[in-house]
N, C-alpha and C. Protein backbone atom coordinates (compact mmCIF):
# COMPACT_ATOMS: atom_id res chain seq x y z
N MET A 1 -1.18 6.28 -9.30
CA MET A 1 -2.39 5.77 -8.65
C MET A 1 -2.95 6.21 -7.73
N LYS A 2 -2.22 7.30 -6.59
CA LYS A 2 -2.70 8.35 -6.22
C LYS A 2 -4.00 7.28 -5.03
N ASN A 3 -5.47 7.91 -4.83
CA ASN A 3 -6.59 6.89 -3.85
C ASN A 3 -7.07 6.32 -4.73
N GLN A 4 -6.73 5.56 -5.66
CA GLN A 4 -7.45 4.19 -6.10
C GLN A 4 -7.28 3.12 -5.39
N SER A 5 -7.94 2.03 -5.25
CA SER A 5 -7.32 0.92 -5.26
C SER A 5 -6.58 -0.18 -5.75
N MET A 6 -5.78 -0.72 -6.05
CA MET A 6 -5.46 -1.43 -6.95
C MET A 6 -6.10 -2.05 -8.03
N SER A 7 -7.35 -2.35 -7.62
CA SER A 7 -8.15 -3.14 -9.03
C SER A 7 -8.74 -1.97 -9.68
N GLN A 8 -9.03 -0.98 -9.06
CA GLN A 8 -8.96 0.77 -9.90
C GLN A 8 -8.10 0.87 -10.90
N TYR A 9 -6.95 0.79 -9.91
CA TYR A 9 -5.65 1.23 -10.96
C TYR A 9 -5.14 0.11 -11.83
N LEU A 10 -5.12 -0.93 -12.27
CA LEU A 10 -5.08 -2.17 -12.62
C LEU A 10 -6.27 -1.97 -13.91
N LEU A 11 -7.41 -1.87 -13.76
CA LEU A 11 -8.28 -1.54 -14.59
C LEU A 11 -8.17 -0.11 -15.56
N ALA A 12 -7.55 1.03 -14.78
CA ALA A 12 -7.09 1.89 -15.70
C ALA A 12 -5.97 1.48 -16.21
N ILE A 13 -5.08 0.95 -16.23
CA ILE A 13 -4.11 0.62 -17.13
C ILE A 13 -4.54 -0.52 -18.67
N LYS A 14 -5.09 -1.45 -18.03
CA LYS A 14 -6.06 -2.30 -19.19
C LYS A 14 -6.79 -1.28 -19.50
N SER A 15 -7.73 -0.50 -19.66
CA SER A 15 -7.66 0.39 -20.52
C SER A 15 -7.25 1.23 -21.22
N TYR A 16 -6.22 1.71 -20.91
CA TYR A 16 -4.82 2.30 -21.79
C TYR A 16 -4.01 1.27 -22.49
N ILE A 17 -4.34 0.13 -22.09
CA ILE A 17 -3.69 -0.66 -23.24
C ILE A 17 -4.69 -1.04 -23.98
N GLY A 18 -5.66 -0.84 -23.64
CA GLY A 18 -6.83 -1.26 -24.69
C GLY A 18 -6.80 0.07 -25.77
N ALA A 19 -6.79 1.42 -25.28
CA ALA A 19 -6.56 2.34 -26.45
C ALA A 19 -5.53 2.19 -27.04
N ILE A 20 -4.31 1.72 -26.42
CA ILE A 20 -3.02 2.00 -27.89
C ILE A 20 -3.27 0.84 -28.27
N ALA A 21 -3.82 -0.40 -28.16
CA ALA A 21 -3.92 -1.81 -29.19
C ALA A 21 -5.10 -1.32 -30.16
N ALA A 22 -6.32 -0.71 -29.80
CA ALA A 22 -6.83 -0.14 -30.48
C ALA A 22 -6.23 0.63 -31.85
N THR A 23 -5.43 1.19 -31.66
CA THR A 23 -4.69 2.11 -33.04
C THR A 23 -3.93 1.65 -33.75
N GLY A 24 -3.44 0.22 -33.45
CA GLY A 24 -2.63 -0.83 -33.99
C GLY A 24 -1.46 -0.85 -33.28
N SER A 25 -0.87 0.00 -32.49
CA SER A 25 0.29 0.34 -32.01
C SER A 25 0.88 -1.22 -30.98
N PRO A 26 1.50 -1.58 -31.56
CA PRO A 26 1.98 -2.93 -30.73
C PRO A 26 2.54 -2.73 -29.29
N LEU A 27 2.33 -3.56 -28.55
CA LEU A 27 2.61 -3.06 -26.71
C LEU A 27 3.55 -4.35 -26.61
N ASP A 28 4.67 -3.69 -25.79
CA ASP A 28 5.73 -5.48 -25.32
C ASP A 28 5.14 -4.85 -24.12
N PRO A 29 5.22 -6.42 -23.48
CA PRO A 29 4.92 -7.08 -22.34
C PRO A 29 5.48 -5.86 -21.36
N LYS A 30 6.67 -5.86 -21.67
CA LYS A 30 7.69 -5.24 -20.56
C LYS A 30 7.53 -4.17 -20.49
N GLU A 31 7.21 -3.21 -21.41
CA GLU A 31 6.89 -1.78 -21.13
C GLU A 31 6.04 -1.62 -20.52
N VAL A 32 4.70 -2.50 -20.80
CA VAL A 32 3.39 -2.23 -19.92
C VAL A 32 3.95 -2.42 -18.54
N ILE A 33 4.62 -3.67 -18.02
CA ILE A 33 5.11 -3.69 -16.69
C ILE A 33 5.74 -2.50 -15.82
N PHE A 34 6.68 -2.15 -16.68
CA PHE A 34 7.73 -1.02 -16.64
C PHE A 34 6.62 0.40 -16.02
N TYR A 35 6.01 0.34 -17.08
CA TYR A 35 4.49 1.83 -16.86
C TYR A 35 3.92 1.18 -15.61
N THR A 36 3.62 0.55 -15.09
CA THR A 36 2.33 -0.25 -14.31
C THR A 36 3.17 -0.09 -13.24
N LEU A 37 4.39 -0.43 -12.83
CA LEU A 37 5.24 -0.30 -11.89
C LEU A 37 5.59 0.90 -11.59
N ASN A 38 6.07 1.80 -12.47
CA ASN A 38 6.33 3.32 -11.82
C ASN A 38 5.19 3.95 -11.73
N GLY A 39 4.22 3.60 -11.79
CA GLY A 39 2.64 4.37 -11.27
C GLY A 39 2.43 3.83 -9.74
N LEU A 40 3.16 2.81 -8.96
CA LEU A 40 2.71 2.48 -7.79
C LEU A 40 3.55 3.46 -6.81
N PRO A 41 2.87 3.93 -5.90
CA PRO A 41 3.53 4.64 -4.66
C PRO A 41 4.48 3.90 -3.93
N ALA A 42 5.17 4.54 -3.42
CA ALA A 42 6.60 4.41 -2.58
C ALA A 42 6.44 3.26 -1.47
N GLN A 43 4.81 2.83 -1.34
CA GLN A 43 5.13 1.72 -0.04
C GLN A 43 5.24 0.29 -1.02
N TYR A 44 5.32 0.40 -2.27
CA TYR A 44 5.77 -0.50 -2.87
C TYR A 44 7.10 -0.65 -3.89
N GLN A 45 7.66 -0.54 -3.21
CA GLN A 45 9.61 -0.10 -3.61
C GLN A 45 9.97 -1.07 -3.60
N ALA A 46 9.40 -2.44 -2.49
CA ALA A 46 10.58 -3.44 -2.42
C ALA A 46 9.91 -4.48 -3.14
N PHE A 47 8.47 -4.31 -3.62
CA PHE A 47 7.55 -5.31 -4.27
C PHE A 47 8.31 -4.75 -5.96
N LYS A 48 8.42 -3.24 -6.20
CA LYS A 48 9.11 -3.10 -7.62
C LYS A 48 10.44 -3.65 -7.74
N THR A 49 11.15 -3.37 -6.80
CA THR A 49 12.56 -3.93 -6.97
C THR A 49 12.54 -5.66 -7.34
N SER A 50 11.76 -6.12 -6.65
CA SER A 50 11.96 -7.72 -6.85
C SER A 50 11.22 -8.07 -7.97
N ILE A 51 10.35 -7.74 -8.47
CA ILE A 51 10.20 -7.75 -9.90
C ILE A 51 11.54 -7.11 -11.33
N HIS A 52 11.72 -5.83 -11.00
CA HIS A 52 12.47 -5.62 -12.01
C HIS A 52 13.71 -6.74 -11.89
N THR A 53 13.96 -6.80 -10.66
CA THR A 53 15.04 -7.94 -10.36
C THR A 53 15.23 -9.31 -10.65
N ASN A 54 14.00 -9.91 -11.01
CA ASN A 54 13.25 -11.21 -11.46
C ASN A 54 13.89 -11.80 -12.81
N LEU A 55 14.51 -12.75 -12.92
CA LEU A 55 15.01 -12.89 -13.71
C LEU A 55 14.26 -14.05 -14.80
N GLN A 56 13.04 -14.52 -14.00
CA GLN A 56 11.63 -15.12 -14.74
C GLN A 56 11.08 -14.27 -15.56
N PRO A 57 10.32 -14.81 -16.87
CA PRO A 57 9.68 -13.59 -17.13
C PRO A 57 7.95 -13.65 -16.72
N LEU A 58 7.62 -12.49 -16.68
CA LEU A 58 6.59 -12.40 -16.00
C LEU A 58 5.26 -11.83 -17.10
N SER A 59 4.20 -12.46 -16.56
CA SER A 59 2.96 -12.13 -17.29
C SER A 59 2.25 -11.34 -17.00
N LEU A 60 0.95 -10.62 -17.76
CA LEU A 60 0.71 -9.75 -16.96
C LEU A 60 -0.50 -9.58 -16.01
N ASP A 61 -1.28 -11.22 -16.45
CA ASP A 61 -1.55 -11.73 -15.38
C ASP A 61 -1.50 -12.10 -14.61
N ASP A 62 -0.17 -12.46 -14.28
CA ASP A 62 0.48 -12.87 -12.83
C ASP A 62 0.90 -11.50 -11.78
N LEU A 63 1.35 -10.31 -12.78
CA LEU A 63 2.04 -9.42 -12.46
C LEU A 63 0.35 -8.52 -11.68
N TYR A 64 -0.34 -8.66 -12.14
CA TYR A 64 -1.88 -8.04 -11.37
C TYR A 64 -2.37 -9.03 -10.39
N THR A 65 -2.48 -10.39 -10.48
CA THR A 65 -2.42 -10.82 -9.14
C THR A 65 -1.25 -10.96 -8.21
N LEU A 66 -0.27 -10.88 -8.49
CA LEU A 66 0.81 -10.17 -7.25
C LEU A 66 0.42 -8.66 -6.86
N LEU A 67 0.21 -7.63 -7.84
CA LEU A 67 -0.10 -6.52 -7.25
C LEU A 67 -1.61 -6.93 -5.98
N CYS A 68 -2.56 -7.35 -6.69
CA CYS A 68 -3.04 -7.49 -5.75
C CYS A 68 -3.08 -7.84 -4.57
N ASN A 69 -2.34 -9.10 -4.30
CA ASN A 69 -2.05 -9.72 -3.21
C ASN A 69 -0.90 -8.70 -2.22
N GLU A 70 -0.04 -7.89 -3.21
CA GLU A 70 0.88 -7.07 -1.86
C GLU A 70 -0.09 -5.92 -1.64
N GLU A 71 -1.03 -5.61 -2.04
CA GLU A 71 -2.11 -4.54 -1.30
C GLU A 71 -2.38 -4.87 -0.29
N LEU A 72 -3.19 -6.18 -0.09
CA LEU A 72 -3.65 -6.94 1.05
C LEU A 72 -2.19 -7.07 1.80
N ASN A 73 -1.31 -7.76 1.70
CA ASN A 73 -0.11 -7.57 2.53
C ASN A 73 0.37 -5.89 2.66
N ILE A 74 0.23 -5.08 2.27
CA ILE A 74 0.46 -3.68 2.75
C ILE A 74 -0.97 -3.31 3.46
N ALA A 75 -1.49 -3.48 3.15
CA ALA A 75 -2.75 -3.40 4.26
C ALA A 75 -2.79 -3.96 5.65
N GLN A 76 -2.41 -5.03 5.88
CA GLN A 76 -2.53 -6.15 6.75
C GLN A 76 -1.33 -5.63 7.90
N GLU A 77 -0.08 -5.15 7.60
CA GLU A 77 1.35 -4.47 8.02
C GLU A 77 0.69 -3.50 8.60
N ALA A 78 0.06 -2.27 7.76
CA ALA A 78 -0.21 -1.20 8.34
C ALA A 78 -0.70 -1.50 9.53
N THR A 79 -2.37 -2.10 9.28
CA THR A 79 -3.08 -2.11 10.55
C THR A 79 -2.21 -3.03 11.96
N ALA A 80 -1.45 -3.77 11.42
CA ALA A 80 -0.53 -4.87 12.49
C ALA A 80 0.90 -3.48 13.30
N GLU A 81 0.71 -2.62 12.50
CA GLU A 81 1.82 -1.73 12.88
C GLU A 81 1.04 -0.35 14.05
N LEU A 82 -0.23 -0.33 13.28
CA LEU A 82 -1.00 0.72 14.38
C LEU A 82 -1.45 -0.12 15.61
N GLN A 83 -2.00 -1.27 15.37
CA GLN A 83 -2.27 -2.47 16.83
C GLN A 83 -0.61 -1.97 17.92
N ASN A 84 0.50 -2.22 17.18
CA ASN A 84 1.77 -2.63 18.03
C ASN A 84 2.11 -1.16 18.66
N LEU A 85 1.50 0.26 17.69
CA LEU A 85 1.72 1.34 18.33
C LEU A 85 0.74 1.51 19.53
N HIS A 86 -0.26 1.28 19.58
CA HIS A 86 -1.19 1.35 20.94
C HIS A 86 -0.99 0.38 21.62
N LEU A 87 0.18 -0.54 21.57
CA LEU A 87 0.23 -1.21 22.54
C LEU A 87 1.26 -1.68 22.99
N THR A 88 2.43 -1.17 22.14
CA THR A 88 3.90 -1.18 22.86
C THR A 88 4.27 0.60 22.99
N ASN A 89 3.80 1.50 23.23
CA ASN A 89 4.46 2.78 23.71
C ASN A 89 3.41 3.25 24.74
N PRO A 90 3.59 3.14 25.66
CA PRO A 90 3.22 3.49 27.04
C PRO A 90 2.57 4.61 27.33
N ALA A 91 3.37 6.02 26.51
CA ALA A 91 3.12 7.49 26.18
C ALA A 91 1.87 7.47 25.67
N MET A 92 1.37 6.55 24.85
CA MET A 92 -0.11 6.95 24.12
C MET A 92 -0.74 6.31 24.79
N THR A 93 -0.78 5.15 25.75
CA THR A 93 -1.87 4.42 26.33
C THR A 93 -2.18 5.14 27.55
N LEU A 94 -1.29 5.76 28.34
CA LEU A 94 -1.40 6.82 29.52
C LEU A 94 -1.93 7.83 29.50
N VAL A 95 -1.91 8.61 28.45
CA VAL A 95 -2.00 10.23 28.34
C VAL A 95 -3.52 10.31 28.78
N ALA A 96 -4.40 9.39 28.42
CA ALA A 96 -5.88 9.55 28.70
C ALA A 96 -5.86 9.24 30.08
N TYR A 97 -5.16 8.80 30.89
CA TYR A 97 -5.02 8.80 32.59
C TYR A 97 -4.24 9.71 33.26
N ARG A 98 -3.70 10.39 32.81
CA ARG A 98 -3.00 11.72 33.52
C ARG A 98 -3.65 12.15 34.35
N GLY A 99 -3.36 12.05 35.58
CA GLY A 99 -4.00 13.40 36.42
C GLY A 99 -5.51 12.65 36.77
N CYS A 100 -5.82 11.96 36.38
CA CYS A 100 -7.05 11.16 36.76
C CYS A 100 -7.26 9.85 37.95
N GLY A 101 -6.10 9.69 38.78
CA GLY A 101 -6.07 8.51 39.55
C GLY A 101 -6.62 9.43 40.80
N ARG A 102 -6.77 8.74 41.63
CA ARG A 102 -6.97 8.38 42.98
C ARG A 102 -6.32 9.58 43.79
N GLY A 103 -6.94 11.11 44.24
CA GLY A 103 -5.76 11.77 45.22
C GLY A 103 -5.22 12.62 44.00
N GLN A 104 -5.73 12.66 42.42
CA GLN A 104 -4.81 13.42 41.86
C GLN A 104 -5.54 14.98 41.12
N SER A 105 -7.03 14.52 41.73
CA SER A 105 -7.87 15.62 41.39
C SER A 105 -7.68 17.33 42.40
N ASN A 106 -7.47 18.38 42.22
CA ASN A 106 -7.34 19.51 42.96
C ASN A 106 -8.32 20.39 42.66
N SER A 107 -9.42 19.70 41.86
CA SER A 107 -10.74 20.94 41.71
C SER A 107 -11.48 21.31 42.89
N SER A 108 -11.08 20.43 44.13
CA SER A 108 -12.03 20.61 45.13
C SER A 108 -11.18 21.27 46.00
N ARG A 109 -9.82 21.42 45.96
CA ARG A 109 -9.14 21.56 47.26
C ARG A 109 -8.86 22.96 47.03
N ARG A 110 -8.95 24.13 47.90
CA ARG A 110 -8.81 25.45 47.86
C ARG A 110 -8.64 25.67 49.26
């Protein structure tokens, strides 16, 4: 997947599937799901585990929809974590103000 969006990644998967199908080789949807999940980065580990342990059969279209939704969830979580980091880490918020308060400047004293 590397630096691709989920839709780009899935388009590449569909292209590979089409190329294999064009040779006349049969494709098992379970193999396609396995291949698709194995190409995902570590951020998707919980998602991959839930799909692998799911007892209900999953269509490729459903998998693609779930993956696009998961991409959005991961992006939202990353944004929320960044916002929380800036709000809850006093060291990060006070760094810019260190030494800039009233009576803190020694540049004019000598």
